[in-house]
């Protein structure tokens, strides 16, 4: 879209980016629409047909059946673990379609066999997570005691503006029934550096809980959020 291409996002569910904080996703959606992106929610695609040099999409929307003609289609409906040519069943390793089950030491159900990255469950599908898991696995193989802690795993979306998060979303914090829940927000529009750079879209959201007001979640929508989120981590 930034290069002048008309882009339409067609999404089958009622919200984008389920793992991100809902309020921040709504803010991002507003900016994306303002930039010219068209977003169709609750709109499953029923058919994709060749249409000359491009494609014709039949979409079921709130307004009924809609036809969308496009030059290209990028299909992004999720990922799943791939085990290559490994016969995990013959090795006795516990796994399912979601991935290989591992402990916090990154050890599989078979002692002495380790797994890291996208092939493991729980899934994170993040390069920096796989890298860290690799270090944990190798340290345990070397006889050290290392554990993978998923409490603070940062996640970044390289949209414009960027959206990054670490820890719990506001919805997750409420679902867990955390006591003394507090939400702090600060807009980029009130930040001098952002104003000087002409990048005032976005906000920072910090979630704390408990008697000691421990920070349990940080969400940043705005310029350089993929760098700033490390402070939250």
Protein backbone atom coordinates (compact mmCIF):
# COMPACT_ATOMS: atom_id res chain seq x y z
CA UNK A 1 0.00 0.00 0.00
CA UNK A 2 2.90 2.32 0.79
CA UNK A 3 4.10 1.93 -2.80
CA UNK A 4 0.75 3.04 -4.21
CA UNK A 5 -0.84 -0.38 -4.74
CA UNK A 6 -4.52 -0.69 -3.84
CA UNK A 7 -4.66 -3.35 -1.11
CA UNK A 8 -7.73 -5.11 0.32
CA UNK A 9 -7.49 -7.31 3.42
CA UNK A 10 -10.23 -9.96 3.47
CA UNK A 11 -10.58 -11.61 6.89
CA UNK A 12 -12.99 -14.37 7.80
CA UNK A 13 -13.26 -13.57 11.53
CA UNK A 14 -14.56 -10.54 13.43
CA UNK A 15 -11.17 -9.22 14.57
CA UNK A 16 -7.62 -8.88 13.29
CA UNK A 17 -4.53 -10.11 15.14
CA UNK A 18 -6.07 -12.21 17.89
CA UNK A 19 -2.86 -12.40 19.92
CA UNK A 20 -2.53 -8.62 20.18
CA UNK A 21 -4.28 -6.24 22.59
CA UNK A 22 -7.74 -5.47 21.16
CA UNK A 23 -7.63 -1.73 21.85
CA UNK A 24 -4.26 -1.37 20.12
CA UNK A 25 -5.44 -3.45 17.14
CA UNK A 26 -8.46 -1.16 16.75
CA UNK A 27 -6.15 1.88 16.80
CA UNK A 28 -3.92 0.26 14.16
CA UNK A 29 -6.92 -0.63 11.98
CA UNK A 30 -7.97 3.04 12.01
CA UNK A 31 -4.53 4.15 10.81
CA UNK A 32 -4.44 1.44 8.13
CA UNK A 33 -7.83 2.48 6.78
CA UNK A 34 -6.78 6.15 6.79
CA UNK A 35 -3.73 5.21 4.70
CA UNK A 36 -6.00 3.73 2.01
CA UNK A 37 -6.19 0.06 2.95
CA UNK A 38 -9.61 -1.54 2.64
CA UNK A 39 -10.35 -4.08 5.39
CA UNK A 40 -13.26 -6.52 5.07
CA UNK A 41 -14.03 -8.31 8.35
CA UNK A 42 -16.39 -11.28 8.85
CA UNK A 43 -15.89 -11.99 5.15
CA UNK A 44 -14.91 -15.57 4.30
CA UNK A 45 -13.72 -16.14 0.72
CA UNK A 46 -15.92 -18.67 -1.04
CA UNK A 47 -14.10 -18.89 -4.36
CA UNK A 48 -10.97 -17.68 -6.20
CA UNK A 49 -11.10 -17.86 -10.00
CA UNK A 50 -8.71 -16.92 -12.78
CA UNK A 51 -9.87 -13.72 -14.40
CA UNK A 52 -7.63 -12.82 -17.35
CA UNK A 53 -4.28 -11.63 -15.98
CA UNK A 54 -5.68 -11.47 -12.42
CA UNK A 55 -8.19 -13.17 -10.14
CA UNK A 56 -11.83 -12.84 -9.14
CA UNK A 57 -12.73 -13.39 -5.49
CA UNK A 58 -16.22 -14.26 -4.34
CA UNK A 59 -16.55 -12.99 -0.78
CA UNK A 60 -19.40 -13.53 1.66
CA UNK A 61 -19.75 -10.22 3.54
CA UNK A 62 -22.32 -8.60 5.82
CA UNK A 63 -23.84 -6.99 2.73
CA UNK A 64 -24.20 -10.34 0.98
CA UNK A 65 -22.04 -11.85 -1.73
CA UNK A 66 -19.38 -9.45 -3.03
CA UNK A 67 -17.10 -9.90 -6.06
CA UNK A 68 -13.58 -8.45 -5.81
CA UNK A 69 -11.28 -8.32 -8.87
CA UNK A 70 -7.54 -8.22 -8.09
CA UNK A 71 -4.16 -8.57 -9.81
CA UNK A 72 -2.61 -10.79 -7.13
CA UNK A 73 -3.71 -12.82 -4.11
CA UNK A 74 -1.55 -13.36 -1.02
CA UNK A 75 -3.01 -16.26 0.96
CA UNK A 76 -2.01 -16.06 4.63
CA UNK A 77 -4.21 -18.45 6.62
CA UNK A 78 -1.75 -19.59 9.25
CA UNK A 79 1.20 -21.90 9.77
CA UNK A 80 1.82 -25.36 11.13
CA UNK A 81 4.86 -27.30 12.23
CA UNK A 82 6.89 -29.27 9.67
CA UNK A 83 9.04 -32.20 10.81
CA UNK A 84 10.86 -32.80 7.53
CA UNK A 85 11.67 -36.45 6.98
CA UNK A 86 11.96 -37.32 10.67
CA UNK A 87 9.90 -40.34 11.77
CA UNK A 88 8.99 -38.99 15.21
CA UNK A 89 6.66 -41.90 15.93
CA UNK A 90 9.46 -44.42 15.43
CA UNK A 91 11.63 -42.41 17.82
CA UNK A 92 8.86 -42.42 20.42
CA UNK A 93 8.66 -38.62 20.53
CA UNK A 94 5.34 -37.19 21.67
CA UNK A 95 3.83 -34.79 19.13
CA UNK A 96 0.61 -33.82 17.36
CA UNK A 97 -0.36 -31.57 14.44
CA UNK A 98 0.50 -28.49 16.51
CA UNK A 99 4.10 -29.53 17.12
CA UNK A 100 6.57 -31.50 19.23
CA UNK A 101 5.88 -31.38 22.96
CA UNK A 102 8.87 -30.02 24.88
CA UNK A 103 9.70 -29.16 28.48
CA UNK A 104 11.08 -25.81 29.65
CA UNK A 105 14.52 -27.37 29.02
CA UNK A 106 13.45 -27.86 25.36
CA UNK A 107 13.67 -31.63 25.89
CA UNK A 108 11.20 -33.90 24.11
CA UNK A 109 9.40 -36.85 25.71
CA UNK A 110 12.51 -38.92 24.89
CA UNK A 111 15.37 -38.19 27.27
CA UNK A 112 18.38 -36.72 25.49
CA UNK A 113 16.47 -35.56 22.40
CA UNK A 114 15.76 -31.84 22.15
CA UNK A 115 13.71 -29.70 19.77
CA UNK A 116 13.51 -25.93 19.25
CA UNK A 117 11.77 -23.36 17.08
CA UNK A 118 8.63 -23.52 14.97
CA UNK A 119 8.38 -27.33 15.15
CA UNK A 120 7.76 -27.25 18.91
CA UNK A 121 4.58 -26.70 20.93
CA UNK A 122 3.60 -24.26 22.40
CA UNK A 123 4.22 -22.35 19.14
CA UNK A 124 5.62 -18.83 18.94
CA UNK A 125 6.74 -18.69 15.29
CA UNK A 126 9.32 -16.02 16.14
CA UNK A 127 12.97 -16.09 15.07
CA UNK A 128 14.30 -14.57 18.31
CA UNK A 129 12.34 -17.14 20.34
CA UNK A 130 13.77 -20.05 18.35
CA UNK A 131 17.28 -18.60 18.77
CA UNK A 132 16.84 -18.37 22.54
CA UNK A 133 15.37 -21.87 22.71
CA UNK A 134 18.44 -23.13 20.85
CA UNK A 135 20.71 -21.64 23.50
CA UNK A 136 18.60 -23.23 26.27
CA UNK A 137 18.74 -26.65 24.56
CA UNK A 138 22.51 -26.54 23.99
CA UNK A 139 23.20 -25.45 27.59
CA UNK A 140 21.16 -28.40 28.88
CA UNK A 141 22.94 -30.77 26.49
CA UNK A 142 26.21 -29.43 27.90
CA UNK A 143 25.09 -30.32 31.44
CA UNK A 144 23.99 -26.87 32.58
CA UNK A 145 20.57 -26.08 34.05
CA UNK A 146 18.74 -23.70 31.67
CA UNK A 147 15.01 -23.09 31.22
CA UNK A 148 12.93 -21.31 28.61
CA UNK A 149 10.62 -18.75 30.25
CA UNK A 150 7.80 -17.49 28.03
CA UNK A 151 6.60 -14.82 30.47
CA UNK A 152 8.09 -11.98 28.43
CA UNK A 153 8.38 -12.85 24.75
CA UNK A 154 8.22 -9.69 22.59
CA UNK A 155 6.26 -9.77 19.35
CA UNK A 156 6.49 -7.15 16.59
CA UNK A 157 4.35 -6.26 13.56
CA UNK A 158 6.17 -4.23 10.93
CA UNK A 159 3.10 -2.30 9.86
CA UNK A 160 3.04 1.48 9.47
CA UNK A 161 2.89 2.47 12.28
CA UNK A 162 4.55 -0.54 13.92
CA UNK A 163 2.72 -2.49 16.63
CA UNK A 164 4.69 -4.40 19.26
CA UNK A 165 3.74 -6.13 22.49
CA UNK A 166 5.13 -8.18 25.34
CA UNK A 167 3.32 -9.95 28.18
CA UNK A 168 -0.44 -9.97 28.68
CA UNK A 169 -3.05 -8.03 26.75
CA UNK A 170 -5.75 -6.21 28.71
CA UNK A 171 -8.25 -8.98 27.85
CA UNK A 172 -5.86 -11.72 29.03
CA UNK A 173 -5.15 -9.88 32.29
CA UNK A 174 -8.90 -9.59 32.98
CA UNK A 175 -9.53 -13.24 32.04
CA UNK A 176 -6.86 -14.31 34.55
CA UNK A 177 -8.63 -12.29 37.25
CA UNK A 178 -5.53 -10.33 38.24
CA UNK A 179 -6.13 -8.05 41.24
CA UNK A 180 -5.46 -4.31 41.36
CA UNK A 181 -5.34 -4.14 37.57
CA UNK A 182 -4.13 -0.76 36.32
CA UNK A 183 -3.87 0.53 32.75
CA UNK A 184 -1.56 3.41 31.85
CA UNK A 185 -1.60 5.09 28.42
CA UNK A 186 0.46 7.81 26.77
CA UNK A 187 0.00 9.15 23.21
CA UNK A 188 2.90 9.71 20.81
CA UNK A 189 1.27 13.06 19.95
CA UNK A 190 2.38 14.34 23.38
CA UNK A 191 5.98 13.21 22.89
CA UNK A 192 8.41 15.91 21.77
CA UNK A 193 10.68 13.63 19.73
CA UNK A 194 7.72 12.13 17.88
CA UNK A 195 6.40 15.62 17.13
CA UNK A 196 9.82 16.75 15.87
CA UNK A 197 9.97 13.76 13.52
CA UNK A 198 6.41 14.27 12.35
CA UNK A 199 5.45 10.76 13.52
CA UNK A 200 2.80 11.39 16.15
CA UNK A 201 0.45 8.48 15.41
CA UNK A 202 0.17 5.85 18.10
CA UNK A 203 0.36 5.30 21.85
CA UNK A 204 2.02 3.32 24.62
CA UNK A 205 -0.09 1.13 26.91
CA UNK A 206 1.28 -0.38 30.12
CA UNK A 207 -0.62 -2.91 32.24
CA UNK A 208 0.24 -3.58 35.89
CA UNK A 209 -1.36 -5.80 38.54
CA UNK A 210 -1.10 -6.92 42.13
CA UNK A 211 -0.26 -5.09 45.34
CA UNK A 212 3.26 -4.37 44.06
CA UNK A 213 1.89 -3.07 40.73
CA UNK A 214 4.11 -5.45 38.76
CA UNK A 215 4.16 -4.72 35.02
CA UNK A 216 2.47 -7.65 33.26
CA UNK A 217 2.03 -6.24 29.76
CA UNK A 218 3.40 -3.48 27.50
CA UNK A 219 1.95 -2.54 24.10
CA UNK A 220 3.41 0.09 21.77
CA UNK A 221 1.82 1.37 18.58
CA UNK A 222 3.99 3.93 16.82
CA UNK A 223 7.36 4.68 15.21
CA UNK A 224 10.24 2.38 16.25
CA UNK A 225 7.97 0.33 18.51
CA UNK A 226 9.91 -2.81 17.51
CA UNK A 227 12.96 -1.25 19.18
CA UNK A 228 11.14 0.38 22.11
CA UNK A 229 9.38 -2.85 23.12
CA UNK A 230 12.70 -4.13 24.47
CA UNK A 231 12.32 -1.61 27.31
CA UNK A 232 9.00 -3.23 28.15
CA UNK A 233 10.55 -6.70 27.95
